[in-house]
Amino acid sequence: GLTQVALTLVPVIGKTARGDISVRG
């Protein structure tokens, strides 16, 4: 299911093994 959240992101960006983008939050 879906939900909505307020969060903060930091500029730590990587890639997962599947090639998706991961950002620290």
PDB file of all heavy atoms in Angstrom:
ATOM      1  N   GLY A   1       0.827  -1.203   0.000  1.00  0.00           N
ATOM      2  CA  GLY A   1       0.000   0.000   0.000  1.00  0.00           C
ATOM      3  C   GLY A   1       0.858   1.248   0.000  1.00  0.00           C
ATOM      4  O   GLY A   1       2.072   1.198   0.178  1.00  0.00           O
ATOM      5  N   LEU A   2       0.221   2.368  -0.205  1.00  0.00           N
ATOM      6  CA  LEU A   2       0.921   3.648  -0.308  1.00  0.00           C
ATOM      7  C   LEU A   2       0.619   4.526   0.897  1.00  0.00           C
ATOM      8  O   LEU A   2      -0.477   4.474   1.458  1.00  0.00           O
ATOM      9  CB  LEU A   2       0.472   4.388  -1.569  1.00  0.00           C
ATOM     10  CG  LEU A   2       0.844   3.724  -2.887  1.00  0.00           C
ATOM     11  CD1 LEU A   2       0.104   4.383  -4.033  1.00  0.00           C
ATOM     12  CD2 LEU A   2       2.332   3.795  -3.117  1.00  0.00           C
ATOM     13  N   THR A   3       1.583   5.329   1.255  1.00  0.00           N
ATOM     14  CA  THR A   3       1.411   6.322   2.301  1.00  0.00           C
ATOM     15  C   THR A   3       2.242   7.540   1.927  1.00  0.00           C
ATOM     16  O   THR A   3       3.067   7.481   1.016  1.00  0.00           O
ATOM     17  CB  THR A   3       1.815   5.759   3.684  1.00  0.00           C
ATOM     18  OG1 THR A   3       1.416   6.680   4.696  1.00  0.00           O
ATOM     19  CG2 THR A   3       3.312   5.511   3.774  1.00  0.00           C
ATOM     20  N   GLN A   4       2.024   8.631   2.614  1.00  0.00           N
ATOM     21  CA  GLN A   4       2.754   9.868   2.349  1.00  0.00           C
ATOM     22  C   GLN A   4       3.502  10.268   3.605  1.00  0.00           C
ATOM     23  O   GLN A   4       2.942  10.218   4.698  1.00  0.00           O
ATOM     24  CB  GLN A   4       1.782  10.967   1.949  1.00  0.00           C
ATOM     25  CG  GLN A   4       0.988  10.631   0.709  1.00  0.00           C
ATOM     26  CD  GLN A   4      -0.193  11.555   0.510  1.00  0.00           C
ATOM     27  OE1 GLN A   4      -0.383  12.516   1.240  1.00  0.00           O
ATOM     28  NE2 GLN A   4      -0.999  11.249  -0.485  1.00  0.00           N
ATOM     29  N   VAL A   5       4.767  10.651   3.434  1.00  0.00           N
ATOM     30  CA  VAL A   5       5.569  11.063   4.582  1.00  0.00           C
ATOM     31  C   VAL A   5       6.368  12.317   4.262  1.00  0.00           C
ATOM     32  O   VAL A   5       6.724  12.566   3.113  1.00  0.00           O
ATOM     33  CB  VAL A   5       6.540   9.950   5.058  1.00  0.00           C
ATOM     34  CG1 VAL A   5       5.795   8.756   5.584  1.00  0.00           C
ATOM     35  CG2 VAL A   5       7.500   9.550   3.974  1.00  0.00           C
ATOM     36  N   ALA A   6       6.625  13.068   5.294  1.00  0.00           N
ATOM     37  CA  ALA A   6       7.550  14.203   5.220  1.00  0.00           C
ATOM     38  C   ALA A   6       8.856  13.724   5.838  1.00  0.00           C
ATOM     39  O   ALA A   6       8.860  13.170   6.932  1.00  0.00           O
ATOM     40  CB  ALA A   6       6.984  15.394   5.989  1.00  0.00           C
ATOM     41  N   LEU A   7       9.934  13.901   5.113  1.00  0.00           N
ATOM     42  CA  LEU A   7      11.234  13.494   5.620  1.00  0.00           C
ATOM     43  C   LEU A   7      12.297  14.433   5.069  1.00  0.00           C
ATOM     44  O   LEU A   7      11.990  15.338   4.304  1.00  0.00           O
ATOM     45  CB  LEU A   7      11.528  12.032   5.263  1.00  0.00           C
ATOM     46  CG  LEU A   7      11.310  11.570   3.827  1.00  0.00           C
ATOM     47  CD1 LEU A   7      12.504  11.877   2.951  1.00  0.00           C
ATOM     48  CD2 LEU A   7      11.049  10.087   3.821  1.00  0.00           C
ATOM     49  N   THR A   8      13.543  14.223   5.490  1.00  0.00           N
ATOM     50  CA  THR A   8      14.639  15.017   4.960  1.00  0.00           C
ATOM     51  C   THR A   8      15.624  14.085   4.270  1.00  0.00           C
ATOM     52  O   THR A   8      15.850  12.961   4.713  1.00  0.00           O
ATOM     53  CB  THR A   8      15.361  15.827   6.056  1.00  0.00           C
ATOM     54  OG1 THR A   8      15.814  14.939   7.066  1.00  0.00           O
ATOM     55  CG2 THR A   8      14.448  16.866   6.659  1.00  0.00           C
ATOM     56  N   LEU A   9      16.175  14.566   3.163  1.00  0.00           N
ATOM     57  CA  LEU A   9      17.154  13.807   2.401  1.00  0.00           C
ATOM     58  C   LEU A   9      18.516  14.473   2.541  1.00  0.00           C
ATOM     59  O   LEU A   9      18.604  15.701   2.643  1.00  0.00           O
ATOM     60  CB  LEU A   9      16.753  13.767   0.925  1.00  0.00           C
ATOM     61  CG  LEU A   9      15.393  13.149   0.619  1.00  0.00           C
ATOM     62  CD1 LEU A   9      15.033  13.350  -0.847  1.00  0.00           C
ATOM     63  CD2 LEU A   9      15.391  11.671   0.970  1.00  0.00           C
ATOM     64  N   VAL A  10      19.567  13.674   2.547  1.00  0.00           N
ATOM     65  CA  VAL A  10      20.927  14.199   2.588  1.00  0.00           C
ATOM     66  C   VAL A  10      21.639  13.767   1.304  1.00  0.00           C
ATOM     67  O   VAL A  10      21.272  12.773   0.694  1.00  0.00           O
ATOM     68  CB  VAL A  10      21.701  13.733   3.845  1.00  0.00           C
ATOM     69  CG1 VAL A  10      21.036  14.236   5.105  1.00  0.00           C
ATOM     70  CG2 VAL A  10      21.842  12.241   3.888  1.00  0.00           C
ATOM     71  N   PRO A  11      22.670  14.511   0.892  1.00  0.00           N
ATOM     72  CA  PRO A  11      23.326  14.200  -0.383  1.00  0.00           C
ATOM     73  C   PRO A  11      24.281  13.008  -0.300  1.00  0.00           C
ATOM     74  O   PRO A  11      25.471  13.104  -0.577  1.00  0.00           O
ATOM     75  CB  PRO A  11      24.066  15.500  -0.720  1.00  0.00           C
ATOM     76  CG  PRO A  11      24.278  16.170   0.575  1.00  0.00           C
ATOM     77  CD  PRO A  11      23.140  15.775   1.456  1.00  0.00           C
ATOM     78  N   VAL A  12      23.743  11.872   0.105  1.00  0.00           N
ATOM     79  CA  VAL A  12      24.473  10.607   0.066  1.00  0.00           C
ATOM     80  C   VAL A  12      23.667   9.711  -0.867  1.00  0.00           C
ATOM     81  O   VAL A  12      22.604   9.210  -0.507  1.00  0.00           O
ATOM     82  CB  VAL A  12      24.605   9.970   1.470  1.00  0.00           C
ATOM     83  CG1 VAL A  12      25.296   8.620   1.383  1.00  0.00           C
ATOM     84  CG2 VAL A  12      25.345  10.908   2.406  1.00  0.00           C
ATOM     85  N   ILE A  13      24.171   9.565  -2.081  1.00  0.00           N
ATOM     86  CA  ILE A  13      23.424   8.902  -3.144  1.00  0.00           C
ATOM     87  C   ILE A  13      24.230   7.700  -3.622  1.00  0.00           C
ATOM     88  O   ILE A  13      25.439   7.789  -3.813  1.00  0.00           O
ATOM     89  CB  ILE A  13      23.178   9.879  -4.314  1.00  0.00           C
ATOM     90  CG1 ILE A  13      22.411  11.102  -3.798  1.00  0.00           C
ATOM     91  CG2 ILE A  13      22.431   9.204  -5.448  1.00  0.00           C
ATOM     92  CD1 ILE A  13      22.352  12.258  -4.774  1.00  0.00           C
ATOM     93  N   GLY A  14      23.539   6.582  -3.804  1.00  0.00           N
ATOM     94  CA  GLY A  14      24.203   5.379  -4.289  1.00  0.00           C
ATOM     95  C   GLY A  14      23.290   4.603  -5.207  1.00  0.00           C
ATOM     96  O   GLY A  14      22.179   5.030  -5.519  1.00  0.00           O
ATOM     97  N   LYS A  15      23.775   3.460  -5.632  1.00  0.00           N
ATOM     98  CA  LYS A  15      22.979   2.561  -6.468  1.00  0.00           C
ATOM     99  C   LYS A  15      22.850   1.223  -5.773  1.00  0.00           C
ATOM    100  O   LYS A  15      23.775   0.773  -5.110  1.00  0.00           O
ATOM    101  CB  LYS A  15      23.649   2.366  -7.830  1.00  0.00           C
ATOM    102  CG  LYS A  15      23.497   3.570  -8.712  1.00  0.00           C
ATOM    103  CD  LYS A  15      23.421   3.151 -10.148  1.00  0.00           C
ATOM    104  CE  LYS A  15      23.091   4.384 -10.978  1.00  0.00           C
ATOM    105  NZ  LYS A  15      22.296   4.093 -12.095  1.00  0.00           N
ATOM    106  N   THR A  16      21.707   0.613  -5.942  1.00  0.00           N
ATOM    107  CA  THR A  16      21.484  -0.721  -5.387  1.00  0.00           C
ATOM    108  C   THR A  16      22.023  -1.751  -6.378  1.00  0.00           C
ATOM    109  O   THR A  16      22.397  -1.414  -7.507  1.00  0.00           O
ATOM    110  CB  THR A  16      19.989  -0.971  -5.143  1.00  0.00           C
ATOM    111  OG1 THR A  16      19.320  -1.031  -6.411  1.00  0.00           O
ATOM    112  CG2 THR A  16      19.369   0.100  -4.268  1.00  0.00           C
ATOM    113  N   ALA A  17      22.009  -3.000  -5.969  1.00  0.00           N
ATOM    114  CA  ALA A  17      22.455  -4.078  -6.847  1.00  0.00           C
ATOM    115  C   ALA A  17      21.595  -4.165  -8.111  1.00  0.00           C
ATOM    116  O   ALA A  17      22.068  -4.596  -9.156  1.00  0.00           O
ATOM    117  CB  ALA A  17      22.417  -5.405  -6.095  1.00  0.00           C
ATOM    118  N   ARG A  18      20.346  -3.725  -8.020  1.00  0.00           N
ATOM    119  CA  ARG A  18      19.445  -3.739  -9.183  1.00  0.00           C
ATOM    120  C   ARG A  18      19.605  -2.521 -10.070  1.00  0.00           C
ATOM    121  O   ARG A  18      18.958  -2.398 -11.092  1.00  0.00           O
ATOM    122  CB  ARG A  18      17.991  -3.767  -8.699  1.00  0.00           C
ATOM    123  CG  ARG A  18      17.592  -5.062  -8.074  1.00  0.00           C
ATOM    124  CD  ARG A  18      16.116  -5.090  -7.851  1.00  0.00           C
ATOM    125  NE  ARG A  18      15.408  -5.040  -9.127  1.00  0.00           N
ATOM    126  CZ  ARG A  18      14.103  -4.990  -9.235  1.00  0.00           C
ATOM    127  NH1 ARG A  18      13.358  -4.958  -8.170  1.00  0.00           N
ATOM    128  NH2 ARG A  18      13.531  -4.960 -10.408  1.00  0.00           N
ATOM    129  N   GLY A  19      20.437  -1.554  -9.658  1.00  0.00           N
ATOM    130  CA  GLY A  19      20.615  -0.339 -10.444  1.00  0.00           C
ATOM    131  C   GLY A  19      19.661   0.772 -10.058  1.00  0.00           C
ATOM    132  O   GLY A  19      19.605   1.806 -10.724  1.00  0.00           O
ATOM    133  N   ASP A  20      18.889   0.579  -8.978  1.00  0.00           N
ATOM    134  CA  ASP A  20      18.006   1.634  -8.497  1.00  0.00           C
ATOM    135  C   ASP A  20      18.828   2.662  -7.726  1.00  0.00           C
ATOM    136  O   ASP A  20      19.938   2.379  -7.275  1.00  0.00           O
ATOM    137  CB  ASP A  20      16.927   1.047  -7.594  1.00  0.00           C
ATOM    138  CG  ASP A  20      16.052   0.038  -8.315  1.00  0.00           C
ATOM    139  OD1 ASP A  20      15.852   0.193  -9.544  1.00  0.00           O
ATOM    140  OD2 ASP A  20      15.578  -0.908  -7.666  1.00  0.00           O
ATOM    141  N   ILE A  21      18.271   3.844  -7.548  1.00  0.00           N
ATOM    142  CA  ILE A  21      18.968   4.910  -6.823  1.00  0.00           C
ATOM    143  C   ILE A  21      18.546   4.872  -5.364  1.00  0.00           C
ATOM    144  O   ILE A  21      17.363   4.780  -5.044  1.00  0.00           O
ATOM    145  CB  ILE A  21      18.658   6.280  -7.448  1.00  0.00           C
ATOM    146  CG1 ILE A  21      19.207   6.319  -8.872  1.00  0.00           C
ATOM    147  CG2 ILE A  21      19.242   7.401  -6.606  1.00  0.00           C
ATOM    148  CD1 ILE A  21      18.775   7.523  -9.669  1.00  0.00           C
ATOM    149  N   SER A  22      19.529   4.984  -4.490  1.00  0.00           N
ATOM    150  CA  SER A  22      19.293   4.991  -3.045  1.00  0.00           C
ATOM    151  C   SER A  22      19.819   6.302  -2.481  1.00  0.00           C
ATOM    152  O   SER A  22      20.945   6.703  -2.771  1.00  0.00           O
ATOM    153  CB  SER A  22      20.033   3.807  -2.406  1.00  0.00           C
ATOM    154  OG  SER A  22      19.950   3.883  -1.009  1.00  0.00           O
ATOM    155  N   VAL A  23      18.984   6.969  -1.682  1.00  0.00           N
ATOM    156  CA  VAL A  23      19.365   8.231  -1.054  1.00  0.00           C
ATOM    157  C   VAL A  23      19.150   8.098   0.445  1.00  0.00           C
ATOM    158  O   VAL A  23      18.121   7.580   0.887  1.00  0.00           O
ATOM    159  CB  VAL A  23      18.525   9.412  -1.596  1.00  0.00           C
ATOM    160  CG1 VAL A  23      18.892  10.719  -0.909  1.00  0.00           C
ATOM    161  CG2 VAL A  23      18.686   9.540  -3.106  1.00  0.00           C
ATOM    162  N   ARG A  24      20.120   8.565   1.223  1.00  0.00           N
ATOM    163  CA  ARG A  24      19.965   8.538   2.677  1.00  0.00           C
ATOM    164  C   ARG A  24      18.927   9.568   3.077  1.00  0.00           C
ATOM    165  O   ARG A  24      18.917  10.696   2.585  1.00  0.00           O
ATOM    166  CB  ARG A  24      21.288   8.863   3.367  1.00  0.00           C
ATOM    167  CG  ARG A  24      21.205   8.742   4.884  1.00  0.00           C
ATOM    168  CD  ARG A  24      22.528   9.051   5.543  1.00  0.00           C
ATOM    169  NE  ARG A  24      23.549   8.134   5.078  1.00  0.00           N
ATOM    170  CZ  ARG A  24      24.852   8.346   5.242  1.00  0.00           C
ATOM    171  NH1 ARG A  24      25.286   9.436   5.828  1.00  0.00           N
ATOM    172  NH2 ARG A  24      25.726   7.460   4.795  1.00  0.00           N
ATOM    173  N   GLY A  25      18.022   9.163   3.961  1.00  0.00           N
ATOM    174  CA  GLY A  25      16.978  10.053   4.437  1.00  0.00           C
ATOM    175  C   GLY A  25      16.765   9.880   5.922  1.00  0.00           C
ATOM    176  O   GLY A  25      17.259   8.927   6.536  1.00  0.00           O
TER     177      GLY A  25
END
